[in-house]
Protein backbone atom coordinates (compact mmCIF):
# COMPACT_ATOMS: atom_id res chain seq x y z
CA MET A 1 0.13 0.36 0.04
CA LYS A 2 2.79 1.98 0.30
CA LEU A 3 5.18 1.23 -2.37
CA VAL A 4 1.03 2.32 -4.85
CA ARG A 5 1.07 5.69 -2.25
CA PHE A 6 4.60 6.62 -3.36
CA ALA A 7 4.41 5.87 -6.74
CA ALA A 8 1.25 8.21 -6.89
CA VAL A 9 3.29 11.13 -5.17
CA LEU A 10 6.36 10.64 -7.96
CA ILE A 11 3.80 10.73 -10.57
CA ALA A 12 2.43 13.72 -9.53
CA LEU A 13 5.67 15.42 -9.23
CA VAL A 14 6.78 14.68 -12.64
CA ALA A 15 3.91 15.92 -13.66
CA VAL A 16 4.40 19.55 -12.32
CA ALA A 17 7.82 19.72 -12.88
CA PRO A 18 7.45 20.71 -16.78
CA PHE A 19 5.25 23.48 -15.13
CA ARG A 20 7.04 24.96 -12.50
CA ALA A 21 10.26 24.85 -14.83
CA ASP A 22 8.42 27.23 -17.95
CA GLU A 23 6.83 29.37 -14.57
CA LYS A 24 11.11 30.34 -13.88
CA LYS A 25 11.81 30.73 -17.30
CA ASP A 26 13.72 33.75 -18.37
CA ASP A 27 10.75 36.51 -20.09
CA GLY A 28 13.43 38.71 -20.77
CA PHE A 29 12.48 41.52 -18.58
CA LYS A 30 14.81 43.75 -16.33
CA PRO A 31 13.83 45.27 -13.73
CA MET A 32 14.91 49.19 -14.71
CA PHE A 33 14.95 49.79 -10.16
CA ASN A 34 16.29 47.94 -7.75
CA GLY A 35 13.62 48.30 -4.84
CA LYS A 36 16.19 50.55 -2.37
CA ASP A 37 17.41 53.08 -4.01
CA LEU A 38 17.24 54.92 -7.46
CA THR A 39 21.02 53.16 -8.99
CA GLY A 40 20.64 53.48 -12.30
CA TRP A 41 19.32 56.92 -12.72
CA VAL A 42 19.95 60.11 -12.69
CA ASN A 43 18.18 63.09 -10.84
CA VAL A 44 18.57 65.69 -14.19
CA ASN A 45 17.05 69.42 -12.81
CA CYS A 46 15.21 68.92 -9.28
CA ALA A 47 15.88 68.87 -5.76
CA PRO A 48 17.79 65.45 -3.69
CA SER A 49 14.60 65.25 -1.96
CA THR A 50 12.46 65.33 -5.09
CA PHE A 51 12.92 61.44 -6.04
CA PHE A 52 13.23 59.36 -3.44
CA VAL A 53 12.43 55.66 -2.79
CA LYS A 54 9.45 53.66 -0.28
CA GLY A 55 8.28 51.00 0.72
CA GLY A 56 9.16 49.78 -2.71
CA GLU A 57 8.41 52.57 -4.71
CA ILE A 58 9.69 55.90 -6.74
CA ILE A 59 8.14 58.76 -5.78
CA THR A 60 8.37 61.87 -6.94
CA THR A 61 6.84 65.08 -4.64
CA GLY A 62 6.25 66.82 -8.62
CA ARG A 63 7.85 69.62 -6.69
CA PRO A 64 9.75 71.60 -8.87
CA THR A 65 8.89 70.59 -12.23
CA GLY A 66 11.64 67.84 -13.39
CA PHE A 67 12.65 64.82 -14.40
CA LEU A 68 14.49 61.67 -13.15
CA ARG A 69 15.51 59.71 -16.20
CA THR A 70 17.57 56.59 -17.12
CA GLU A 71 21.72 56.29 -17.00
CA LYS A 72 21.38 54.50 -21.00
CA GLN A 73 19.43 55.42 -23.67
CA TYR A 74 16.88 52.69 -25.14
CA GLU A 75 15.89 51.98 -28.94
CA ASN A 76 13.26 49.44 -29.00
CA PHE A 77 11.89 47.55 -26.14
CA ILE A 78 8.82 47.26 -24.18
CA ALA A 79 8.04 48.69 -20.74
CA GLU A 80 5.92 47.60 -17.78
CA PHE A 81 5.34 49.97 -14.76
CA GLU A 82 2.93 50.79 -12.36
CA TRP A 83 1.30 53.95 -10.95
CA MET A 84 -0.42 56.01 -8.71
CA HIS A 85 -1.47 59.47 -8.04
CA VAL A 86 -2.10 60.00 -3.94
CA ASN A 87 -4.79 62.81 -5.08
CA LYS A 88 -8.56 62.42 -4.57
CA LYS A 89 -9.49 65.36 -6.08
CA ASP A 90 -6.83 67.63 -7.25
CA VAL A 91 -5.64 67.42 -10.27
CA GLY A 92 -1.99 64.65 -10.70
CA ASN A 93 -0.11 65.21 -13.18
CA SER A 94 3.13 62.63 -14.40
CA GLY A 95 4.37 61.54 -17.26
CA PHE A 96 6.72 58.57 -18.19
CA PHE A 97 9.26 60.29 -21.19
CA VAL A 98 10.69 58.12 -24.06
CA TRP A 99 13.42 58.78 -26.85
CA ALA A 100 14.32 61.47 -23.77
CA ASP A 101 16.91 64.19 -24.34
CA PRO A 102 19.57 64.13 -21.14
CA ILE A 103 18.55 67.87 -20.48
CA PRO A 104 15.97 69.75 -20.50
CA ALA A 105 14.57 72.35 -22.98
CA THR A 106 15.86 76.31 -23.99
CA GLY A 107 13.39 78.05 -21.58
CA THR A 108 11.56 75.32 -19.63
CA GLY A 109 11.63 72.75 -16.82
CA TYR A 110 10.79 69.12 -19.41
CA THR A 111 12.70 67.49 -21.56
CA ARG A 112 11.99 66.83 -25.31
CA GLY A 113 10.75 63.35 -26.35
CA ILE A 114 7.56 61.72 -26.28
CA GLU A 115 5.49 61.68 -23.05
CA VAL A 116 3.01 59.24 -21.74
CA GLN A 117 0.32 60.86 -19.81
CA VAL A 118 0.26 60.33 -16.53
CA LEU A 119 -2.53 62.27 -15.06
CA VAL A 120 -5.93 62.42 -12.69
CA ASN A 121 -8.61 64.52 -12.08
CA LEU A 122 -8.37 65.99 -15.52
CA GLU A 123 -10.47 65.91 -18.88
CA LYS A 124 -11.38 68.11 -21.17
CA LYS A 125 -12.83 66.66 -23.83
CA GLY A 126 -11.07 66.89 -27.41
CA TYR A 127 -8.24 67.57 -25.83
CA TYR A 128 -7.01 65.39 -23.31
CA THR A 129 -7.93 62.60 -20.97
CA SER A 130 -6.50 61.82 -17.58
CA GLN A 131 -6.37 58.07 -19.68
CA GLY A 132 -2.95 58.01 -21.53
CA ASP A 133 -2.44 59.77 -23.99
CA LEU A 134 0.22 60.05 -25.97
CA PHE A 135 2.44 62.92 -27.92
CA SER A 136 5.28 64.72 -28.54
CA ILE A 137 7.06 67.90 -26.29
CA TRP A 138 9.44 70.30 -26.75
CA GLY A 139 10.44 69.27 -30.55
CA ALA A 140 10.05 65.48 -29.89
CA THR A 141 7.49 64.69 -33.90
CA CYS A 142 5.23 61.62 -33.67
CA LYS A 143 1.75 61.19 -35.93
CA PRO A 144 -1.25 60.43 -33.63
CA ASP A 145 -2.58 56.36 -34.49
CA ARG A 146 -5.66 58.59 -34.75
CA PRO A 147 -5.69 62.57 -35.41
CA HIS A 148 -6.45 64.37 -33.16
CA PRO A 149 -9.93 67.19 -32.94
CA HIS A 150 -7.52 69.76 -33.35
CA GLY A 151 -4.77 68.81 -35.52
CA TRP A 152 -1.90 68.19 -32.67
CA ALA A 153 0.60 65.80 -32.27
CA ARG A 154 -1.18 63.70 -29.46
CA CYS A 155 -3.35 60.62 -29.78
CA LEU A 156 -6.35 59.99 -27.51
CA PRO A 157 -7.22 57.53 -25.80
CA SER A 158 -10.09 54.82 -28.09
CA GLU A 159 -11.55 54.04 -24.52
CA ASP A 160 -11.47 54.51 -20.59
CA ARG A 161 -9.62 52.25 -18.58
CA CYS A 162 -6.73 54.40 -15.78
CA LYS A 163 -8.22 54.35 -12.51
CA GLY A 164 -8.15 57.57 -9.97
CA GLY A 165 -6.21 58.97 -7.80
CA GLY A 166 -5.69 56.58 -4.95
CA GLU A 167 -5.41 53.87 -6.68
CA TRP A 168 -2.80 51.57 -8.42
CA ASN A 169 -2.57 51.49 -12.78
CA HIS A 170 -0.54 48.91 -14.68
CA TYR A 171 1.07 50.95 -18.46
CA LYS A 172 2.90 48.56 -20.83
CA VAL A 173 4.19 50.90 -23.53
CA ILE A 174 6.11 48.70 -26.31
CA ALA A 175 8.27 50.77 -27.70
CA LYS A 176 9.41 49.62 -31.87
CA ASP A 177 10.86 51.68 -34.66
CA GLY A 178 9.48 55.06 -33.96
CA ALA A 179 6.31 54.01 -32.46
CA ILE A 180 4.81 53.68 -29.39
CA LYS A 181 1.98 51.44 -28.26
CA LEU A 182 0.18 51.78 -25.02
CA HIS A 183 -1.86 49.32 -22.78
CA VAL A 184 -3.96 50.65 -19.67
CA ASN A 185 -4.57 47.82 -17.86
CA GLY A 186 -4.42 45.27 -19.81
CA LYS A 187 -5.83 47.35 -22.97
CA GLU A 188 -4.49 48.30 -26.04
CA VAL A 189 -5.41 52.51 -26.46
CA SER A 190 -3.21 54.87 -27.67
CA GLY A 191 -0.50 55.09 -30.25
CA VAL A 192 2.25 56.92 -32.28
CA SER A 193 4.60 56.65 -35.07
CA GLU A 194 7.30 57.95 -37.22
CA CYS A 195 8.33 59.23 -33.76
CA ARG A 196 11.54 61.64 -33.69
CA PRO A 197 13.37 60.89 -31.60
CA ARG A 198 13.12 57.25 -32.15
CA LYS A 199 16.45 56.17 -29.21
CA GLY A 200 16.50 57.81 -25.89
CA TYR A 201 16.30 58.07 -21.91
CA LEU A 202 13.01 56.95 -20.50
CA ALA A 203 11.93 59.23 -17.51
CA LEU A 204 9.83 60.27 -14.29
CA GLU A 205 8.13 63.19 -14.76
CA SER A 206 7.92 65.43 -11.41
CA GLU A 207 5.15 68.58 -12.25
CA GLY A 208 3.57 69.30 -9.30
CA ALA A 209 1.67 66.23 -7.82
CA GLU A 210 2.75 63.47 -5.64
CA CYS A 211 2.88 60.48 -7.01
CA HIS A 212 4.08 56.99 -6.78
CA PHE A 213 5.48 54.80 -9.06
CA ARG A 214 6.66 50.79 -8.74
CA ASN A 215 7.33 47.26 -10.57
CA LEU A 216 9.21 48.97 -13.90
CA LYS A 217 10.65 46.48 -15.56
CA ILE A 218 12.11 46.85 -19.31
CA LYS A 219 12.71 44.07 -22.01
CA GLU A 220 14.96 45.37 -24.71
CA LEU A 221 14.15 44.41 -28.43
CA PRO A 222 16.72 44.58 -31.52
CA SER A 223 17.57 47.51 -33.32
CA SER A 224 16.15 48.95 -36.29
CA LYS A 225 19.73 51.20 -36.37
CA PRO A 226 18.46 54.50 -36.15
CA LYS A 227 20.11 57.51 -38.45
CA PRO A 228 22.01 59.99 -35.74
CA GLU A 229 19.28 62.05 -36.73
CA GLU A 230 16.44 60.31 -34.62
CA VAL A 231 18.94 59.61 -32.18
CA ALA A 232 17.85 61.86 -29.09
CA ASP A 233 21.37 64.13 -27.73
CA VAL A 234 23.73 61.64 -25.48
CA ALA A 235 24.12 62.84 -21.75
CA THR A 236 27.71 64.29 -21.06
CA GLY A 237 27.86 64.58 -16.91
CA PHE A 238 26.26 67.72 -17.19
CA LYS A 239 25.38 68.69 -12.80
CA ASN A 240 22.43 70.83 -12.61
CA LEU A 241 23.33 73.82 -9.97
CA TYR A 242 19.62 74.91 -9.09
CA THR A 243 17.58 72.99 -7.39
CA GLY A 244 14.09 74.37 -8.32
CA LEU A 245 13.11 75.03 -4.66
CA ASP A 246 15.82 77.46 -2.38
CA LEU A 247 19.28 78.35 -2.98
CA SER A 248 20.85 75.76 -2.20
CA GLY A 249 24.70 75.99 -3.10
CA TRP A 250 24.74 79.96 -3.58
CA LYS A 251 25.83 81.93 -1.81
CA ALA A 252 23.89 84.49 -1.45
CA SER A 253 23.77 87.89 0.71
CA ALA A 254 21.09 88.90 3.27
CA GLU A 255 19.70 91.54 1.26
CA ALA A 256 20.46 89.22 -2.44
CA LYS A 257 17.62 86.94 -0.99
CA LYS A 258 14.64 89.43 -1.07
CA HIS A 259 15.34 89.82 -4.75
CA TRP A 260 16.29 86.60 -5.66
CA GLN A 261 13.18 84.11 -6.41
CA PRO A 262 12.82 80.67 -6.70
CA ARG A 263 9.66 79.75 -8.97
CA ASP A 264 9.54 76.13 -9.47
CA TRP A 265 12.79 76.24 -12.17
CA MET A 266 12.51 78.76 -13.20
CA LEU A 267 14.50 81.62 -11.31
CA HIS A 268 13.97 85.24 -10.86
CA TYR A 269 15.98 88.34 -9.92
CA ASP A 270 13.07 91.53 -9.54
CA GLY A 271 15.52 93.81 -11.21
CA LYS A 272 15.09 95.81 -7.02
CA GLY A 273 18.96 94.77 -5.09
CA GLY A 274 21.61 96.54 -6.48
CA ALA A 275 24.65 95.97 -5.41
CA LYS A 276 24.43 94.13 -2.60
CA GLY A 277 21.65 92.08 -3.46
CA GLY A 278 22.53 91.73 -7.57
CA GLU A 279 24.62 88.09 -7.39
CA LEU A 280 24.56 85.06 -6.86
CA ARG A 281 28.01 83.26 -6.23
CA THR A 282 28.34 79.14 -6.23
CA GLU A 283 30.00 77.70 -3.18
CA LYS A 284 32.06 76.07 -5.03
CA GLU A 285 34.63 76.27 -7.63
CA PHE A 286 35.42 74.94 -11.20
CA GLY A 287 38.04 74.64 -13.60
CA ASP A 288 38.20 74.22 -16.41
CA ALA A 289 34.80 73.47 -17.26
CA GLU A 290 31.46 74.09 -19.62
CA PHE A 291 28.18 76.17 -18.64
CA ILE A 292 25.02 76.05 -19.80
CA VAL A 293 22.21 78.69 -18.89
CA ASP A 294 18.64 79.76 -19.72
CA PHE A 295 17.62 83.36 -19.79
CA ARG A 296 15.62 85.74 -20.99
CA PHE A 297 15.12 90.18 -20.35
CA SER A 298 12.07 91.22 -19.07
CA GLY A 299 9.71 92.42 -22.19
CA GLY A 300 10.54 96.40 -21.36
CA ALA A 301 14.00 95.31 -20.76
CA SER A 302 16.60 98.60 -22.68
CA LYS A 303 19.43 98.19 -24.80
CA ALA A 304 21.46 99.83 -21.83
CA ASP A 305 20.63 97.22 -19.49
CA SER A 306 22.99 93.87 -19.20
CA CYS A 307 23.47 90.90 -17.47
CA GLU A 308 27.24 89.98 -16.40
CA LEU A 309 28.53 86.50 -15.82
CA VAL A 310 31.75 85.74 -13.69
CA LEU A 311 32.48 82.53 -15.32
CA ARG A 312 35.59 82.31 -12.96
CA GLU A 313 36.29 83.70 -10.03
CA GLY A 314 38.92 83.62 -6.85
CA LYS A 315 41.40 86.13 -4.70
CA VAL A 316 42.56 87.61 -7.12
CA GLY A 317 40.71 87.65 -9.95
CA ASN A 318 38.15 86.73 -13.31
CA VAL A 319 36.69 86.21 -16.20
CA GLY A 320 33.36 87.92 -17.36
CA LEU A 321 30.65 87.74 -20.26
CA ARG A 322 28.43 91.06 -19.78
CA ILE A 323 25.43 90.38 -21.94
CA TYR A 324 23.56 92.69 -23.61
CA PRO A 325 19.39 92.88 -24.42
CA ASP A 326 20.26 92.93 -28.27
CA GLY A 327 23.10 90.01 -28.34
CA ARG A 328 25.95 92.67 -27.54
CA TYR A 329 28.45 91.09 -25.67
CA GLU A 330 31.87 91.85 -23.46
CA VAL A 331 35.10 89.23 -22.15
CA SER A 332 36.88 90.19 -19.87
CA THR A 333 39.62 89.54 -17.96
CA MET A 334 40.10 91.32 -14.00
CA ALA A 335 43.13 91.58 -12.10
CA TYR A 336 43.15 92.64 -7.86
CA PRO A 337 46.40 93.13 -7.06
CA PRO A 338 47.45 93.33 -3.09
CA GLY A 339 46.47 96.12 -1.43
CA GLY A 340 45.74 98.07 -4.63
CA LYS A 341 42.76 98.85 -7.58
CA SER A 342 41.52 96.11 -9.36
CA VAL A 343 43.04 95.94 -12.87
CA THR A 344 40.36 95.54 -16.09
CA SER A 345 40.78 94.00 -19.69
CA ILE A 346 37.73 94.65 -22.02
CA VAL A 347 37.32 93.26 -25.66
CA PRO A 348 33.32 95.00 -26.74
CA GLY A 349 31.55 95.11 -29.39
CA TRP A 350 30.71 92.00 -30.34
CA LYS A 351 27.70 90.27 -30.71
CA PHE A 352 25.63 86.95 -30.42
CA LYS A 353 23.64 86.34 -33.96
CA GLY A 354 21.52 83.52 -32.92
CA ILE A 355 20.16 85.60 -29.61
CA LYS A 356 16.58 85.77 -28.50
CA PRO A 357 14.78 89.76 -28.12
CA ALA A 358 13.59 90.88 -24.96
CA GLY A 359 10.91 88.25 -22.93
CA GLN A 360 12.14 85.09 -24.77
CA TRP A 361 13.92 82.61 -23.76
CA ASN A 362 17.83 81.45 -25.14
CA ARG A 363 20.54 79.58 -24.13
CA LEU A 364 24.44 80.27 -23.00
CA ARG A 365 26.89 77.53 -23.54
CA ALA A 366 30.30 78.25 -22.48
CA THR A 367 33.58 76.17 -22.32
CA LEU A 368 36.41 77.60 -20.41
CA ARG A 369 39.35 76.07 -20.68
CA GLY A 370 42.83 76.91 -20.05
CA LYS A 371 42.50 80.73 -21.82
CA SER A 372 39.89 79.54 -24.31
CA LEU A 373 36.30 80.58 -24.31
CA GLN A 374 34.13 79.13 -26.35
CA MET A 375 30.47 80.89 -26.68
CA ALA A 376 27.33 79.67 -28.60
CA VAL A 377 23.65 81.24 -28.29
CA ASN A 378 20.40 79.08 -29.73
CA THR A 379 23.37 76.53 -30.61
CA VAL A 380 24.99 79.24 -33.17
CA ARG A 381 28.32 80.09 -32.29
CA SER A 382 30.54 82.87 -31.26
CA LYS A 383 34.73 83.22 -32.37
CA GLU A 384 36.73 81.82 -29.73
CA TRP A 385 38.90 83.77 -27.82
CA ASN A 386 41.81 83.42 -26.61
CA LEU A 387 42.52 85.58 -23.01
CA ALA A 388 46.10 85.66 -23.47
CA ARG A 389 46.08 88.78 -25.98
CA LEU A 390 43.71 90.03 -22.91
CA GLU A 391 47.70 89.71 -21.47
CA MET A 392 45.69 89.27 -17.67
CA PRO A 393 45.84 86.33 -16.18
CA VAL A 394 43.29 84.17 -15.73
CA LEU A 395 42.85 81.62 -11.89
CA PRO A 396 42.69 77.99 -12.64
CA LYS A 397 39.69 77.89 -10.57
CA GLY A 398 37.03 80.08 -9.44
CA THR A 399 32.44 80.36 -8.72
CA PHE A 400 30.40 80.94 -10.50
CA ALA A 401 28.49 83.91 -10.70
CA VAL A 402 25.27 85.87 -11.75
CA ARG A 403 25.35 89.31 -11.56
CA PRO A 404 21.68 90.77 -13.58
CA GLY A 405 21.74 94.50 -14.01
CA ALA A 406 17.68 94.42 -14.51
CA ALA A 407 15.10 92.32 -14.04
CA MET A 408 16.18 88.57 -15.19
CA ASP A 409 14.61 85.33 -15.66
CA PHE A 410 16.91 82.21 -15.67
CA GLY A 411 16.48 78.25 -15.58
CA ASN A 412 18.38 75.32 -16.79
CA LEU A 413 22.06 76.22 -14.74
CA PHE A 414 24.11 73.14 -15.21
CA VAL A 415 27.96 72.83 -15.30
CA ARG A 416 30.09 70.10 -16.86
CA GLN A 417 33.79 69.58 -15.74
CA LEU A 418 36.27 68.91 -17.60
CA THR A 419 39.10 66.38 -17.07
CA LYS A 420 42.79 67.37 -18.85
């Protein structure tokens, strides 16, 4: 009798063994989040507290506007994750960016890419929904699977499947050969094609509301070899200088704090600080480095208004750049001899050809390496400056400072230190 029972158990084990083996078979998915910390992710332009891990979830406070991106780029893939907004009545806004650039576009806290909408409690019929819209943002392009009623590059979902605030939703994003399909809670509802870029970073968005993400995983698919112009920019090591919440990382006098106001991703100067309250200076010093600064003069700026950016300043001198609303600029070096008056050497009379008028955003990129200064405004490069011509010393390292002479806005302040 015992022998019969043993045989029966053995047969049962053999019968179920293949099923268990299939269950454990590798399906090709890899976790995008280890459940413990943000390893594999980069906080691009937010405060250190904006994105954090708790209870096996990535949580964003929603403040300031910005994004957390992957360290690596992706092309063709299937990604799955769950999300939940805590807002049950108020609007909860966030997103999952696909094929994004590593830093924000000019004059915004968002990146160029395709957004998979993560939204609750906000609907406008024929315009947008809280049910999984897909759309291109900030210079990216796409074609919606169904024409938008107003001609937007935005696909409205075919049906409502999202749950409201306080409940978890499951998204599956299938991205292949420049096309994206979104499955909401088990069913495809949205799609776009002809996307550009079609390779880039993936990112989680912070946009004013607390949002939770969990169970993020991805399965990469074979490449279809996109052209260089179809690939997002590649990260080169830029670090954020402004938290979007306060003046952490900057030296500011008590007077300056009255005139510099953090406004989410944007930093506003009211133009009334004068010599004592019109300057911000980084706490850190930098050697050879490239700086990115988005700036705009107020709409009422005059030709005499200007902003000085000190690219490197120490106890004995500095290297400065003064910009005027019409695009004129001056490059200068200054020496502070002990016990004597400061000595300045200035080369005036040049103009940035790509600058936009007052009231509009510009992006300056300035690279100071040794005694060589290279600059570009809105991708239009100026001449390369050899600072040795000014016959003044250039410090090996120093702080970075902003000194506007009138009301101005700044954003996307980044630095990339250069190796020799």
